[in-house]
Amino acid sequence: MNYVIITSIGAICMAILAMFIRMKAAKKPATAKKIILPPIFMSTGAFMFIFPYFRVTPLEIAEAVIVGLLFSILLIKTSKFEIRDKDIYLKRSKAFLYILVGLLVVRMAGKLILSSSIDYGQLSGMFWILAFGMIVPWRIAMYINFKKLQQELFGSLNTKKPI
């Protein structure tokens, strides 16, 4: 039970950090690199599955991926870009903060409920898969939307696109 409490506190801190990063990011122009790098950095967490303690069954993988994909829909719907001052910016969305908090509450409730029936290591693996299954489609959708706006922006400016 101590692990659940400690990791829940960690999740709350990470959510607060994500909210501040998101608000700060909206003040600077978006770049493809800023969109693509978070899932790449997060992918290093897959090394946890080297250890048997964190391994999950194929059914648990499927469940985590499906829930992650469903959660990603909410993030995709609230992540929009706009052209301002000849640059592309991520639009601020009040709904994003509420969705992020809602997802955190759902994940914490799931962790509390599932921790009594699933081994902590497997549960950690499932939640990593859930998070990765959520961030990858979200960032792919953001990248596609960013590239569309970039084409629109550079097409209207009649200049060459940056690489």
N, C-alpha and C. Protein backbone atom coordinates (compact mmCIF):
# COMPACT_ATOMS: atom_id res chain seq x y z
N MET A 1 0.82 -1.20 0.00
CA MET A 1 0.00 0.00 0.00
C MET A 1 0.87 1.27 0.00
N ASN A 2 2.05 1.19 0.62
CA ASN A 2 2.94 2.35 0.64
C ASN A 2 3.38 2.73 -0.76
N TYR A 3 3.64 1.71 -1.62
CA TYR A 3 4.02 1.98 -3.00
C TYR A 3 2.93 2.75 -3.73
N VAL A 4 1.69 2.36 -3.50
CA VAL A 4 0.56 3.01 -4.16
C VAL A 4 0.49 4.47 -3.74
N ILE A 5 0.66 4.75 -2.48
CA ILE A 5 0.61 6.13 -1.98
C ILE A 5 1.77 6.95 -2.54
N ILE A 6 2.96 6.38 -2.48
CA ILE A 6 4.14 7.11 -2.96
C ILE A 6 4.02 7.40 -4.46
N THR A 7 3.63 6.40 -5.24
CA THR A 7 3.52 6.62 -6.68
C THR A 7 2.35 7.54 -7.02
N SER A 8 1.31 7.54 -6.21
CA SER A 8 0.19 8.46 -6.44
C SER A 8 0.63 9.91 -6.20
N ILE A 9 1.42 10.12 -5.17
CA ILE A 9 1.95 11.45 -4.92
C ILE A 9 2.86 11.87 -6.08
N GLY A 10 3.67 10.93 -6.55
CA GLY A 10 4.53 11.21 -7.70
C GLY A 10 3.72 11.56 -8.94
N ALA A 11 2.60 10.86 -9.15
CA ALA A 11 1.73 11.13 -10.30
C ALA A 11 1.12 12.52 -10.21
N ILE A 12 0.74 12.92 -9.02
CA ILE A 12 0.17 14.26 -8.82
C ILE A 12 1.22 15.32 -9.14
N CYS A 13 2.43 15.11 -8.65
CA CYS A 13 3.51 16.06 -8.93
C CYS A 13 3.81 16.14 -10.43
N MET A 14 3.82 15.00 -11.11
CA MET A 14 4.07 14.98 -12.55
C MET A 14 2.94 15.68 -13.31
N ALA A 15 1.71 15.50 -12.87
CA ALA A 15 0.57 16.16 -13.53
C ALA A 15 0.67 17.67 -13.37
N ILE A 16 1.03 18.13 -12.18
CA ILE A 16 1.18 19.56 -11.96
C ILE A 16 2.31 20.11 -12.84
N LEU A 17 3.41 19.37 -12.91
CA LEU A 17 4.53 19.77 -13.76
C LEU A 17 4.10 19.83 -15.23
N ALA A 18 3.34 18.83 -15.68
CA ALA A 18 2.86 18.81 -17.07
C ALA A 18 1.97 20.01 -17.36
N MET A 19 1.14 20.39 -16.41
CA MET A 19 0.26 21.55 -16.61
C MET A 19 1.08 22.83 -16.76
N PHE A 20 2.08 23.00 -15.93
CA PHE A 20 2.92 24.19 -16.02
C PHE A 20 3.72 24.20 -17.33
N ILE A 21 4.24 23.05 -17.71
CA ILE A 21 4.99 22.97 -18.96
C ILE A 21 4.09 23.29 -20.14
N ARG A 22 2.87 22.76 -20.11
CA ARG A 22 1.91 23.01 -21.20
C ARG A 22 1.57 24.50 -21.29
N MET A 23 1.34 25.15 -20.14
CA MET A 23 1.01 26.58 -20.15
C MET A 23 2.19 27.41 -20.65
N LYS A 24 3.40 27.02 -20.25
CA LYS A 24 4.60 27.73 -20.68
C LYS A 24 4.85 27.51 -22.17
N ALA A 25 4.60 26.29 -22.65
CA ALA A 25 4.83 25.96 -24.06
C ALA A 25 3.92 26.76 -24.98
N ALA A 26 2.73 27.10 -24.52
CA ALA A 26 1.79 27.85 -25.34
C ALA A 26 2.28 29.27 -25.62
N LYS A 27 3.26 29.73 -24.86
CA LYS A 27 3.79 31.07 -25.05
C LYS A 27 4.91 31.12 -26.10
N LYS A 28 5.42 29.96 -26.49
CA LYS A 28 6.50 29.88 -27.46
C LYS A 28 6.01 29.16 -28.71
N PRO A 29 6.60 29.48 -29.87
CA PRO A 29 6.19 28.76 -31.09
C PRO A 29 6.45 27.26 -30.97
N ALA A 30 5.58 26.48 -31.57
CA ALA A 30 5.73 25.02 -31.58
C ALA A 30 6.74 24.63 -32.66
N THR A 31 7.39 23.52 -32.45
CA THR A 31 8.29 22.96 -33.46
C THR A 31 8.03 21.46 -33.54
N ALA A 32 8.41 20.88 -34.66
CA ALA A 32 8.25 19.44 -34.83
C ALA A 32 9.06 18.70 -33.76
N LYS A 33 10.23 19.20 -33.45
CA LYS A 33 11.09 18.56 -32.45
C LYS A 33 10.41 18.51 -31.08
N LYS A 34 9.76 19.60 -30.68
CA LYS A 34 9.08 19.64 -29.39
C LYS A 34 7.89 18.68 -29.34
N ILE A 35 7.34 18.37 -30.49
CA ILE A 35 6.20 17.45 -30.55
C ILE A 35 6.68 16.00 -30.54
N ILE A 36 7.75 15.72 -31.25
CA ILE A 36 8.21 14.35 -31.43
C ILE A 36 9.03 13.82 -30.24
N LEU A 37 9.81 14.66 -29.60
CA LEU A 37 10.75 14.18 -28.58
C LEU A 37 10.12 13.54 -27.33
N PRO A 38 9.01 14.04 -26.77
CA PRO A 38 8.49 13.41 -25.55
C PRO A 38 8.22 11.91 -25.65
N PRO A 39 7.58 11.41 -26.73
CA PRO A 39 7.42 9.95 -26.78
C PRO A 39 8.74 9.19 -26.93
N ILE A 40 9.70 9.83 -27.61
CA ILE A 40 11.02 9.18 -27.75
C ILE A 40 11.69 9.08 -26.39
N PHE A 41 11.65 10.16 -25.62
CA PHE A 41 12.23 10.13 -24.28
C PHE A 41 11.51 9.12 -23.39
N MET A 42 10.20 9.07 -23.51
CA MET A 42 9.42 8.16 -22.69
C MET A 42 9.68 6.70 -23.06
N SER A 43 10.03 6.45 -24.30
CA SER A 43 10.22 5.07 -24.75
C SER A 43 11.33 4.35 -23.99
N THR A 44 12.25 5.09 -23.41
CA THR A 44 13.31 4.45 -22.64
C THR A 44 12.75 3.70 -21.44
N GLY A 45 11.56 4.06 -20.99
CA GLY A 45 10.91 3.36 -19.88
C GLY A 45 10.60 1.91 -20.20
N ALA A 46 10.59 1.56 -21.48
CA ALA A 46 10.32 0.17 -21.87
C ALA A 46 11.40 -0.78 -21.36
N PHE A 47 12.55 -0.24 -20.99
CA PHE A 47 13.60 -1.10 -20.43
C PHE A 47 13.16 -1.77 -19.14
N MET A 48 12.12 -1.26 -18.50
CA MET A 48 11.63 -1.89 -17.27
C MET A 48 11.21 -3.33 -17.53
N PHE A 49 10.78 -3.62 -18.77
CA PHE A 49 10.28 -4.95 -19.08
C PHE A 49 11.38 -6.00 -19.21
N ILE A 50 12.63 -5.57 -19.11
CA ILE A 50 13.75 -6.51 -19.05
C ILE A 50 13.63 -7.36 -17.78
N PHE A 51 13.12 -6.73 -16.73
CA PHE A 51 13.01 -7.40 -15.44
C PHE A 51 11.67 -8.12 -15.32
N PRO A 52 11.68 -9.38 -14.96
CA PRO A 52 10.43 -10.16 -14.88
C PRO A 52 9.37 -9.53 -13.97
N TYR A 53 9.80 -8.79 -12.97
CA TYR A 53 8.89 -8.16 -12.02
C TYR A 53 7.86 -7.25 -12.71
N PHE A 54 8.24 -6.64 -13.83
CA PHE A 54 7.37 -5.68 -14.52
C PHE A 54 6.64 -6.27 -15.73
N ARG A 55 6.91 -7.50 -16.07
CA ARG A 55 6.31 -8.08 -17.27
C ARG A 55 4.80 -8.28 -17.11
N VAL A 56 4.11 -8.07 -18.22
CA VAL A 56 2.65 -8.18 -18.22
C VAL A 56 2.21 -9.22 -19.26
N THR A 57 1.00 -9.71 -19.08
CA THR A 57 0.47 -10.71 -20.01
C THR A 57 -0.02 -10.02 -21.28
N PRO A 58 -0.19 -10.76 -22.36
CA PRO A 58 -0.73 -10.16 -23.58
C PRO A 58 -2.10 -9.50 -23.37
N LEU A 59 -2.94 -10.08 -22.54
CA LEU A 59 -4.25 -9.48 -22.26
C LEU A 59 -4.10 -8.15 -21.53
N GLU A 60 -3.17 -8.09 -20.58
CA GLU A 60 -2.93 -6.83 -19.86
C GLU A 60 -2.34 -5.77 -20.79
N ILE A 61 -1.51 -6.19 -21.72
CA ILE A 61 -0.97 -5.25 -22.72
C ILE A 61 -2.12 -4.68 -23.54
N ALA A 62 -2.99 -5.55 -24.03
CA ALA A 62 -4.12 -5.11 -24.86
C ALA A 62 -5.03 -4.16 -24.08
N GLU A 63 -5.32 -4.50 -22.83
CA GLU A 63 -6.17 -3.64 -22.01
C GLU A 63 -5.55 -2.26 -21.84
N ALA A 64 -4.26 -2.22 -21.51
CA ALA A 64 -3.57 -0.94 -21.28
C ALA A 64 -3.51 -0.11 -22.55
N VAL A 65 -3.24 -0.75 -23.68
CA VAL A 65 -3.16 -0.01 -24.95
C VAL A 65 -4.53 0.56 -25.31
N ILE A 66 -5.58 -0.22 -25.16
CA ILE A 66 -6.93 0.25 -25.50
C ILE A 66 -7.32 1.43 -24.62
N VAL A 67 -7.06 1.34 -23.33
CA VAL A 67 -7.39 2.47 -22.43
C VAL A 67 -6.55 3.69 -22.81
N GLY A 68 -5.27 3.48 -23.10
CA GLY A 68 -4.41 4.59 -23.52
C GLY A 68 -4.91 5.25 -24.79
N LEU A 69 -5.34 4.45 -25.75
CA LEU A 69 -5.88 5.00 -27.00
C LEU A 69 -7.15 5.81 -26.74
N LEU A 70 -8.00 5.30 -25.87
CA LEU A 70 -9.23 6.04 -25.54
C LEU A 70 -8.90 7.37 -24.85
N PHE A 71 -7.96 7.34 -23.93
CA PHE A 71 -7.56 8.58 -23.25
C PHE A 71 -6.94 9.56 -24.24
N SER A 72 -6.20 9.05 -25.23
CA SER A 72 -5.54 9.94 -26.19
C SER A 72 -6.54 10.75 -27.01
N ILE A 73 -7.72 10.21 -27.20
CA ILE A 73 -8.75 10.93 -27.96
C ILE A 73 -9.06 12.27 -27.29
N LEU A 74 -9.17 12.25 -25.97
CA LEU A 74 -9.44 13.50 -25.24
C LEU A 74 -8.31 14.50 -25.43
N LEU A 75 -7.08 14.02 -25.38
CA LEU A 75 -5.94 14.93 -25.54
C LEU A 75 -5.86 15.46 -26.98
N ILE A 76 -6.16 14.62 -27.94
CA ILE A 76 -6.13 15.04 -29.34
C ILE A 76 -7.17 16.13 -29.58
N LYS A 77 -8.36 15.95 -29.01
CA LYS A 77 -9.45 16.91 -29.21
C LYS A 77 -9.13 18.28 -28.60
N THR A 78 -8.28 18.32 -27.57
CA THR A 78 -8.00 19.59 -26.90
C THR A 78 -6.65 20.19 -27.28
N SER A 79 -5.95 19.58 -28.21
CA SER A 79 -4.64 20.10 -28.64
C SER A 79 -4.76 20.65 -30.06
N LYS A 80 -4.90 21.93 -30.15
CA LYS A 80 -5.05 22.61 -31.45
C LYS A 80 -3.95 23.63 -31.59
N PHE A 81 -3.59 23.87 -32.84
CA PHE A 81 -2.57 24.87 -33.15
C PHE A 81 -3.22 26.06 -33.84
N GLU A 82 -2.51 27.20 -33.78
CA GLU A 82 -2.96 28.39 -34.47
C GLU A 82 -1.74 29.13 -35.00
N ILE A 83 -1.98 29.91 -36.05
CA ILE A 83 -0.90 30.73 -36.61
C ILE A 83 -1.01 32.12 -36.00
N ARG A 84 0.10 32.54 -35.37
CA ARG A 84 0.20 33.88 -34.79
C ARG A 84 1.57 34.45 -35.12
N ASP A 85 1.59 35.66 -35.58
CA ASP A 85 2.86 36.35 -35.84
C ASP A 85 3.80 35.51 -36.72
N LYS A 86 3.25 34.91 -37.75
CA LYS A 86 4.01 34.11 -38.71
C LYS A 86 4.70 32.90 -38.06
N ASP A 87 4.14 32.43 -36.95
CA ASP A 87 4.62 31.22 -36.28
C ASP A 87 3.43 30.37 -35.89
N ILE A 88 3.69 29.12 -35.56
CA ILE A 88 2.64 28.19 -35.15
C ILE A 88 2.73 28.02 -33.64
N TYR A 89 1.61 28.25 -32.97
CA TYR A 89 1.53 28.14 -31.51
C TYR A 89 0.46 27.12 -31.13
N LEU A 90 0.68 26.46 -30.00
CA LEU A 90 -0.33 25.59 -29.44
C LEU A 90 -1.36 26.47 -28.75
N LYS A 91 -2.63 26.28 -29.09
CA LYS A 91 -3.69 27.07 -28.48
C LYS A 91 -3.87 26.67 -27.03
N ARG A 92 -4.10 27.66 -26.20
CA ARG A 92 -4.43 27.37 -24.80
C ARG A 92 -5.83 26.80 -24.74
N SER A 93 -6.00 25.81 -23.91
CA SER A 93 -7.31 25.19 -23.75
C SER A 93 -7.56 24.94 -22.26
N LYS A 94 -8.61 25.57 -21.74
CA LYS A 94 -8.97 25.32 -20.35
C LYS A 94 -9.41 23.87 -20.17
N ALA A 95 -10.03 23.33 -21.19
CA ALA A 95 -10.50 21.94 -21.13
C ALA A 95 -9.32 20.98 -20.95
N PHE A 96 -8.16 21.31 -21.51
CA PHE A 96 -7.00 20.43 -21.40
C PHE A 96 -6.63 20.21 -19.94
N LEU A 97 -6.62 21.28 -19.16
CA LEU A 97 -6.26 21.13 -17.75
C LEU A 97 -7.26 20.26 -17.01
N TYR A 98 -8.54 20.45 -17.28
CA TYR A 98 -9.57 19.62 -16.64
C TYR A 98 -9.45 18.17 -17.07
N ILE A 99 -9.16 17.96 -18.34
CA ILE A 99 -9.00 16.59 -18.84
C ILE A 99 -7.77 15.94 -18.21
N LEU A 100 -6.68 16.68 -18.10
CA LEU A 100 -5.48 16.14 -17.48
C LEU A 100 -5.74 15.75 -16.03
N VAL A 101 -6.44 16.60 -15.30
CA VAL A 101 -6.78 16.28 -13.91
C VAL A 101 -7.73 15.08 -13.87
N GLY A 102 -8.70 15.05 -14.77
CA GLY A 102 -9.63 13.92 -14.83
C GLY A 102 -8.93 12.61 -15.12
N LEU A 103 -7.99 12.64 -16.07
CA LEU A 103 -7.22 11.43 -16.38
C LEU A 103 -6.39 10.99 -15.19
N LEU A 104 -5.84 11.94 -14.48
CA LEU A 104 -5.06 11.63 -13.28
C LEU A 104 -5.94 10.95 -12.24
N VAL A 105 -7.13 11.48 -12.01
CA VAL A 105 -8.05 10.90 -11.03
C VAL A 105 -8.44 9.48 -11.44
N VAL A 106 -8.74 9.30 -12.72
CA VAL A 106 -9.13 7.97 -13.21
C VAL A 106 -7.96 6.99 -13.05
N ARG A 107 -6.77 7.41 -13.39
CA ARG A 107 -5.60 6.54 -13.25
C ARG A 107 -5.33 6.20 -11.79
N MET A 108 -5.46 7.19 -10.90
CA MET A 108 -5.22 6.92 -9.47
C MET A 108 -6.29 5.98 -8.91
N ALA A 109 -7.53 6.18 -9.31
CA ALA A 109 -8.60 5.28 -8.86
C ALA A 109 -8.34 3.87 -9.39
N GLY A 110 -7.95 3.78 -10.65
CA GLY A 110 -7.62 2.48 -11.22
C GLY A 110 -6.48 1.81 -10.49
N LYS A 111 -5.47 2.59 -10.15
CA LYS A 111 -4.33 2.04 -9.42
C LYS A 111 -4.75 1.53 -8.06
N LEU A 112 -5.57 2.30 -7.35
CA LEU A 112 -6.03 1.86 -6.03
C LEU A 112 -6.87 0.59 -6.11
N ILE A 113 -7.73 0.52 -7.09
CA ILE A 113 -8.61 -0.64 -7.25
C ILE A 113 -7.80 -1.87 -7.69
N LEU A 114 -6.96 -1.68 -8.70
CA LEU A 114 -6.23 -2.81 -9.28
C LEU A 114 -5.06 -3.29 -8.42
N SER A 115 -4.55 -2.43 -7.54
CA SER A 115 -3.39 -2.82 -6.74
C SER A 115 -3.71 -3.96 -5.78
N SER A 116 -4.98 -4.18 -5.49
CA SER A 116 -5.32 -5.29 -4.61
C SER A 116 -5.38 -6.63 -5.34
N SER A 117 -5.48 -6.59 -6.68
CA SER A 117 -5.60 -7.84 -7.43
C SER A 117 -4.47 -8.09 -8.43
N ILE A 118 -3.67 -7.08 -8.73
CA ILE A 118 -2.56 -7.23 -9.68
C ILE A 118 -1.28 -6.86 -8.96
N ASP A 119 -0.25 -7.67 -9.18
CA ASP A 119 1.05 -7.43 -8.59
C ASP A 119 1.53 -6.01 -8.93
N TYR A 120 2.19 -5.36 -7.98
CA TYR A 120 2.61 -3.97 -8.17
C TYR A 120 3.50 -3.78 -9.39
N GLY A 121 4.42 -4.70 -9.64
CA GLY A 121 5.31 -4.59 -10.80
C GLY A 121 4.53 -4.66 -12.10
N GLN A 122 3.61 -5.62 -12.19
CA GLN A 122 2.78 -5.73 -13.40
C GLN A 122 1.92 -4.49 -13.57
N LEU A 123 1.39 -3.99 -12.47
CA LEU A 123 0.56 -2.79 -12.53
C LEU A 123 1.37 -1.59 -13.02
N SER A 124 2.61 -1.49 -12.57
CA SER A 124 3.49 -0.42 -13.05
C SER A 124 3.71 -0.54 -14.55
N GLY A 125 3.95 -1.77 -15.01
CA GLY A 125 4.12 -2.01 -16.44
C GLY A 125 2.88 -1.65 -17.23
N MET A 126 1.72 -2.01 -16.69
CA MET A 126 0.46 -1.69 -17.38
C MET A 126 0.25 -0.18 -17.48
N PHE A 127 0.57 0.54 -16.41
CA PHE A 127 0.37 1.99 -16.44
C PHE A 127 1.38 2.68 -17.34
N TRP A 128 2.58 2.11 -17.46
CA TRP A 128 3.53 2.68 -18.42
C TRP A 128 3.00 2.46 -19.84
N ILE A 129 2.51 1.26 -20.13
CA ILE A 129 1.95 0.96 -21.45
C ILE A 129 0.75 1.87 -21.73
N LEU A 130 -0.09 2.07 -20.73
CA LEU A 130 -1.25 2.96 -20.88
C LEU A 130 -0.76 4.37 -21.25
N ALA A 131 0.20 4.88 -20.51
CA ALA A 131 0.70 6.24 -20.77
C ALA A 131 1.34 6.33 -22.15
N PHE A 132 2.12 5.32 -22.51
CA PHE A 132 2.77 5.34 -23.82
C PHE A 132 1.73 5.20 -24.93
N GLY A 133 0.72 4.36 -24.70
CA GLY A 133 -0.36 4.20 -25.67
C GLY A 133 -1.22 5.44 -25.79
N MET A 134 -1.11 6.33 -24.82
CA MET A 134 -1.85 7.59 -24.86
C MET A 134 -1.00 8.68 -25.54
N ILE A 135 0.26 8.76 -25.21
CA ILE A 135 1.08 9.86 -25.70
C ILE A 135 1.45 9.69 -27.18
N VAL A 136 1.67 8.46 -27.64
CA VAL A 136 2.10 8.26 -29.03
C VAL A 136 1.03 8.71 -30.03
N PRO A 137 -0.23 8.24 -29.93
CA PRO A 137 -1.23 8.72 -30.90
C PRO A 137 -1.50 10.22 -30.77
N TRP A 138 -1.44 10.74 -29.55
CA TRP A 138 -1.66 12.16 -29.32
C TRP A 138 -0.58 12.97 -30.04
N ARG A 139 0.66 12.58 -29.87
CA ARG A 139 1.76 13.32 -30.50
C ARG A 139 1.78 13.14 -32.02
N ILE A 140 1.38 11.97 -32.50
CA ILE A 140 1.29 11.77 -33.95
C ILE A 140 0.23 12.71 -34.53
N ALA A 141 -0.92 12.79 -33.87
CA ALA A 141 -1.99 13.69 -34.33
C ALA A 141 -1.51 15.14 -34.27
N MET A 142 -0.81 15.51 -33.20
CA MET A 142 -0.27 16.87 -33.10
C MET A 142 0.70 17.15 -34.24
N TYR A 143 1.57 16.19 -34.53
CA TYR A 143 2.56 16.37 -35.60
C TYR A 143 1.88 16.56 -36.95
N ILE A 144 0.88 15.74 -37.23
CA ILE A 144 0.15 15.86 -38.50
C ILE A 144 -0.51 17.23 -38.61
N ASN A 145 -1.16 17.67 -37.55
CA ASN A 145 -1.81 18.99 -37.56
C ASN A 145 -0.79 20.11 -37.68
N PHE A 146 0.34 19.96 -37.00
CA PHE A 146 1.41 20.95 -37.08
C PHE A 146 1.92 21.07 -38.52
N LYS A 147 2.16 19.93 -39.16
CA LYS A 147 2.67 19.93 -40.53
C LYS A 147 1.67 20.56 -41.51
N LYS A 148 0.38 20.30 -41.31
CA LYS A 148 -0.65 20.92 -42.16
C LYS A 148 -0.61 22.44 -42.01
N LEU A 149 -0.54 22.90 -40.78
CA LEU A 149 -0.48 24.36 -40.56
C LEU A 149 0.82 24.94 -41.09
N GLN A 150 1.89 24.19 -40.96
CA GLN A 150 3.17 24.66 -41.48
C GLN A 150 3.11 24.82 -42.99
N GLN A 151 2.48 23.87 -43.68
CA GLN A 151 2.31 23.99 -45.13
C GLN A 151 1.46 25.20 -45.47
N GLU A 152 0.40 25.39 -44.71
CA GLU A 152 -0.48 26.54 -44.93
C GLU A 152 0.28 27.85 -44.71
N LEU A 153 1.04 27.90 -43.63
CA LEU A 153 1.79 29.11 -43.28
C LEU A 153 2.83 29.42 -44.35
N PHE A 154 3.64 28.45 -44.72
CA PHE A 154 4.71 28.71 -45.67
C PHE A 154 4.19 28.82 -47.09
N GLY A 155 3.05 28.23 -47.36
CA GLY A 155 2.42 28.41 -48.66
C GLY A 155 1.92 29.84 -48.82
N SER A 156 1.36 30.40 -47.73
CA SER A 156 0.84 31.76 -47.79
C SER A 156 1.95 32.81 -47.76
N LEU A 157 3.09 32.45 -47.19
CA LEU A 157 4.22 33.39 -47.15
C LEU A 157 5.05 33.33 -48.42
N ASN A 158 4.79 32.31 -49.25
CA ASN A 158 5.50 32.13 -50.50
C ASN A 158 7.02 32.01 -50.29
N THR A 159 7.40 31.29 -49.25
CA THR A 159 8.82 31.06 -48.98
C THR A 159 9.06 29.56 -48.87
N LYS A 160 10.31 29.21 -48.82
CA LYS A 160 10.66 27.79 -48.67
C LYS A 160 10.34 27.33 -47.25
N LYS A 161 9.94 26.08 -47.14
CA LYS A 161 9.67 25.49 -45.82
C LYS A 161 10.98 25.17 -45.14
N PRO A 162 11.01 25.35 -43.82
CA PRO A 162 12.22 24.93 -43.09
C PRO A 162 12.28 23.41 -43.02
N ILE A 163 13.44 22.90 -42.83
CA ILE A 163 13.63 21.46 -42.75
C ILE A 163 13.27 20.97 -41.38
